[in-house]
Amino acid sequence: MTHLLHVNASARGDASRSLELATRFIGELHTVDEALTVDRLDVFDGSLPEFGTVAAGAKMATFAGQGHSVAEERAWSQARTVFDRFDAADAYVFNVPFWNAGVPYPLKQLIDVITQPGWAFDFSPDSGYRGLLQGKRAFVVYTSGVYAEGLPPSFGADFTTNFFRDWLGFIGIADVEEVHFAPTVVNPDVEASRRVALAATIEAAQRFADSERFAA
C-alpha cells in the first residue's frame, strides 16, 4: 500500500486547472492500487503555522546545536507536526500554479516550515547539504495563465519550475514526473492545450504506477 500526500497550491477551488490535472493523476493511480491512501494538504486553508522570528530562532539554535526557549520549542513543535505529516508520505502530488513568476506564497510557507536541519536535510562543513527524504517520488503539475515556453520575455519568465525542482532535489526527492499546462488564459485554443496536458498526466500516472517502488 502506498500513502500519497497531495499538496494543492491553488486558491481557485474547482476552477483550478492545476488541481484538475492533479486529481486526474491520483484517480489514475487509484485504478491500479485500490489500497492507495491520499492525504490532501490545501496550503490556502490557513492551517500552516507561522514561521517568523521565534521559529527562525529555533531553527538557528538547532543548526548550531543549542537549546530552545519555551516559545521556540512551541514554534518548533508546530513545525515538526507539519513535517511529520509531510514525511509520512511515500509519494507526492503537487499542483503548482505560477504566481508572479514564482510559487504561491503559502506553498513557500510550507516549504519554509518543513525544510529544517535534521528533518529534511543535514549539513557537513566538508560535503555540504544532503537531502534526507530519499527514496520518495513526486509528480508536479505546473500551470501558467500567460507564460509559456518559447514566448518573448514580455510574456513573463519561469522561475517557478527551477525553484521547485531545486527544492525537491535539496530535500532528497530526485525521482520526479512533471507536466506543464500553459498558457491557460492567453491561448487561442486552450482546450487543445488542456488535452495535451491531460494526456501527459495520464502517461505520467501510468509510469508512476508501473514503478516497483509504487507497487511496493
Protein backbone atom coordinates (compact mmCIF):
# COMPACT_ATOMS: atom_id res chain seq x y z
CA MET A 1 0.00 0.00 0.00
CA THR A 2 1.23 3.49 -0.88
CA HIS A 3 0.47 6.62 1.12
CA LEU A 4 0.36 9.71 -1.06
CA LEU A 5 0.34 13.37 0.02
CA HIS A 6 -1.41 15.73 -2.38
CA VAL A 7 -0.27 19.31 -1.88
CA ASN A 8 -2.82 21.60 -3.52
CA ALA A 9 -1.22 25.02 -4.05
CA SER A 10 -4.11 26.57 -5.98
CA ALA A 11 -6.50 29.12 -4.50
CA ARG A 12 -9.12 28.63 -7.24
CA GLY A 13 -11.05 25.63 -5.97
CA ASP A 14 -12.93 23.70 -8.64
CA ALA A 15 -11.92 26.30 -11.25
CA SER A 16 -8.26 25.35 -10.88
CA ARG A 17 -6.61 23.91 -13.98
CA SER A 18 -3.70 22.53 -11.98
CA LEU A 19 -5.99 20.87 -9.44
CA GLU A 20 -7.96 19.21 -12.23
CA LEU A 21 -4.81 17.54 -13.58
CA ALA A 22 -3.52 16.56 -10.14
CA THR A 23 -6.88 14.99 -9.31
CA ARG A 24 -6.88 13.05 -12.57
CA PHE A 25 -3.37 11.79 -11.85
CA ILE A 26 -4.45 10.49 -8.46
CA GLY A 27 -7.55 8.92 -9.99
CA GLU A 28 -5.38 7.00 -12.44
CA LEU A 29 -3.26 5.69 -9.57
CA HIS A 30 -6.39 4.51 -7.76
CA THR A 31 -7.29 2.31 -10.73
CA VAL A 32 -4.15 0.21 -10.20
CA ASP A 33 -3.89 0.44 -6.40
CA GLU A 34 -7.26 0.40 -4.66
CA ALA A 35 -5.44 0.44 -1.32
CA LEU A 36 -3.78 3.78 -2.14
CA THR A 37 -4.31 6.29 0.66
CA VAL A 38 -4.34 10.02 -0.09
CA ASP A 39 -3.87 12.91 2.33
CA ARG A 40 -4.70 16.29 0.79
CA LEU A 41 -2.98 19.37 2.14
CA ASP A 42 -4.54 22.62 0.90
CA VAL A 43 -1.94 25.30 1.53
CA PHE A 44 -4.53 28.10 1.30
CA ASP A 45 -6.73 26.73 4.10
CA GLY A 46 -4.92 28.76 6.77
CA SER A 47 -3.73 25.78 8.81
CA LEU A 48 0.01 26.23 8.27
CA PRO A 49 1.86 27.64 11.29
CA GLU A 50 3.64 30.94 11.08
CA PHE A 51 7.39 30.68 10.65
CA GLY A 52 8.60 34.04 11.88
CA THR A 53 11.11 35.44 14.34
CA VAL A 54 10.61 32.85 17.07
CA ALA A 55 10.62 29.86 14.74
CA ALA A 56 13.66 31.20 12.89
CA GLY A 57 15.43 31.48 16.23
CA ALA A 58 14.59 27.85 16.94
CA LYS A 59 15.94 26.82 13.54
CA MET A 60 19.24 28.62 14.01
CA ALA A 61 19.60 27.27 17.55
CA THR A 62 19.07 23.75 16.20
CA PHE A 63 21.55 24.36 13.40
CA ALA A 64 24.10 25.50 15.98
CA GLY A 65 23.39 22.62 18.37
CA GLN A 66 21.90 24.91 21.03
CA GLY A 67 18.78 24.60 23.16
CA HIS A 68 15.41 26.32 22.63
CA SER A 69 13.49 28.79 24.74
CA VAL A 70 9.93 27.83 25.72
CA ALA A 71 8.49 29.91 22.86
CA GLU A 72 10.99 28.49 20.41
CA GLU A 73 10.17 24.94 21.48
CA ARG A 74 6.46 25.60 20.90
CA ALA A 75 7.12 27.00 17.41
CA TRP A 76 9.49 24.15 16.61
CA SER A 77 6.91 21.59 17.72
CA GLN A 78 4.26 23.16 15.46
CA ALA A 79 6.63 22.99 12.51
CA ARG A 80 7.51 19.39 13.37
CA THR A 81 3.84 18.38 13.24
CA VAL A 82 3.62 19.66 9.66
CA PHE A 83 6.89 17.97 8.73
CA ASP A 84 5.79 14.63 10.17
CA ARG A 85 2.64 14.77 8.06
CA PHE A 86 4.77 15.50 5.00
CA ASP A 87 7.37 12.85 5.79
CA ALA A 88 4.71 10.17 6.36
CA ALA A 89 4.05 10.03 2.61
CA ASP A 90 5.70 7.56 0.27
CA ALA A 91 4.95 9.75 -2.75
CA TYR A 92 3.73 13.27 -3.50
CA VAL A 93 1.49 15.08 -5.94
CA PHE A 94 1.88 18.85 -6.20
CA ASN A 95 -0.25 21.16 -8.31
CA VAL A 96 1.62 24.44 -8.62
CA PRO A 97 0.24 27.46 -10.48
CA PHE A 98 2.68 30.23 -11.41
CA TRP A 99 2.26 33.31 -9.22
CA ASN A 100 4.28 36.35 -10.32
CA ALA A 101 6.96 34.10 -11.83
CA GLY A 102 7.24 32.15 -8.58
CA VAL A 103 5.23 29.79 -6.38
CA PRO A 104 2.10 30.84 -4.43
CA TYR A 105 3.11 32.34 -1.10
CA PRO A 106 1.57 29.66 1.18
CA LEU A 107 3.39 26.95 -0.77
CA LYS A 108 6.62 28.83 0.01
CA GLN A 109 5.41 28.95 3.62
CA LEU A 110 5.02 25.16 3.65
CA ILE A 111 8.50 24.79 2.19
CA ASP A 112 9.99 27.10 4.80
CA VAL A 113 8.18 25.32 7.65
CA ILE A 114 9.32 21.80 6.78
CA THR A 115 12.78 22.37 5.29
CA GLN A 116 14.68 22.15 8.54
CA PRO A 117 18.08 20.75 9.57
CA GLY A 118 17.90 17.19 10.80
CA TRP A 119 14.44 16.75 9.27
CA ALA A 120 14.56 17.41 5.54
CA PHE A 121 18.33 17.86 5.21
CA ASP A 122 21.59 17.70 7.02
CA PHE A 123 24.81 19.62 6.51
CA SER A 124 28.50 18.84 6.66
CA PRO A 125 31.21 21.53 6.51
CA ASP A 126 33.16 19.12 4.32
CA SER A 127 30.49 17.90 1.89
CA GLY A 128 27.70 20.49 2.17
CA TYR A 129 23.98 19.72 2.20
CA ARG A 130 22.35 16.30 1.87
CA GLY A 131 18.62 15.69 1.44
CA LEU A 132 17.11 13.24 3.90
CA LEU A 133 13.82 12.41 2.13
CA GLN A 134 15.37 9.98 -0.28
CA GLY A 135 13.54 7.04 -1.84
CA LYS A 136 10.32 9.04 -2.34
CA ARG A 137 8.68 10.03 -5.64
CA ALA A 138 6.80 13.11 -6.82
CA PHE A 139 4.51 14.27 -9.59
CA VAL A 140 4.23 18.01 -10.22
CA VAL A 141 1.79 19.80 -12.49
CA TYR A 142 2.61 23.42 -13.31
CA THR A 143 0.14 25.86 -14.84
CA SER A 144 0.55 29.41 -16.10
CA GLY A 145 -2.04 31.81 -17.41
CA VAL A 146 0.23 33.88 -19.67
CA TYR A 147 3.78 32.50 -19.66
CA ALA A 148 4.62 29.59 -21.94
CA GLU A 149 7.92 28.24 -23.15
CA GLY A 150 9.07 29.93 -26.36
CA LEU A 151 7.16 33.18 -25.86
CA PRO A 152 9.00 36.53 -25.73
CA PRO A 153 10.23 37.82 -22.33
CA SER A 154 7.36 40.33 -22.27
CA PHE A 155 5.07 37.35 -21.54
CA GLY A 156 6.92 36.54 -18.34
CA ALA A 157 9.58 34.16 -17.12
CA ASP A 158 9.68 30.77 -15.42
CA PHE A 159 11.41 30.89 -12.07
CA THR A 160 8.76 28.58 -10.64
CA THR A 161 9.88 25.30 -12.20
CA ASN A 162 13.57 25.78 -11.48
CA PHE A 163 12.90 26.80 -7.87
CA PHE A 164 10.59 23.87 -7.18
CA ARG A 165 12.85 21.32 -8.89
CA ASP A 166 15.79 22.58 -6.87
CA TRP A 167 13.84 22.36 -3.60
CA LEU A 168 12.73 18.78 -4.28
CA GLY A 169 16.32 17.80 -5.04
CA PHE A 170 17.57 19.66 -1.98
CA ILE A 171 15.41 17.56 0.35
CA GLY A 172 16.35 14.35 -1.46
CA ILE A 173 13.45 13.76 -3.88
CA ALA A 174 15.12 13.10 -7.22
CA ASP A 175 12.52 10.86 -8.91
CA VAL A 176 10.08 13.46 -10.28
CA GLU A 177 7.49 13.48 -13.08
CA GLU A 178 6.39 16.87 -14.44
CA VAL A 179 3.56 18.19 -16.63
CA HIS A 180 3.19 21.80 -17.79
CA PHE A 181 -0.13 23.27 -18.91
CA ALA A 182 0.49 26.75 -20.31
CA PRO A 183 -0.81 29.19 -21.16
CA THR A 184 -4.24 28.66 -19.66
CA VAL A 185 -5.61 32.19 -20.29
CA VAL A 186 -3.83 33.87 -23.22
CA ASN A 187 -4.36 30.90 -25.51
CA PRO A 188 -6.33 30.76 -28.79
CA ASP A 189 -7.07 27.05 -28.24
CA VAL A 190 -6.84 26.39 -24.52
CA GLU A 191 -8.87 23.19 -24.83
CA ALA A 192 -6.29 21.68 -27.18
CA SER A 193 -3.53 22.56 -24.70
CA ARG A 194 -5.62 21.04 -21.93
CA ARG A 195 -6.00 17.78 -23.86
CA VAL A 196 -2.22 17.60 -24.40
CA ALA A 197 -1.58 18.21 -20.69
CA LEU A 198 -4.22 15.67 -19.69
CA ALA A 199 -2.69 13.02 -21.95
CA ALA A 200 0.75 13.76 -20.48
CA THR A 201 -0.72 13.48 -16.98
CA ILE A 202 -2.24 10.06 -17.71
CA GLU A 203 1.03 8.83 -19.22
CA ALA A 204 2.95 10.06 -16.17
CA ALA A 205 0.48 8.28 -13.88
CA GLN A 206 0.98 5.04 -15.80
CA ARG A 207 4.76 5.31 -15.44
CA PHE A 208 4.30 6.12 -11.76
CA ALA A 209 2.02 3.12 -11.26
CA ASP A 210 4.35 0.75 -13.10
CA SER A 211 7.23 1.63 -10.80
CA GLU A 212 8.30 -1.15 -8.46
CA ARG A 213 8.57 1.36 -5.66
CA PHE A 214 4.98 2.46 -6.11
CA ALA A 215 3.69 -1.09 -6.32
CA ALA A 216 5.54 -1.99 -3.15
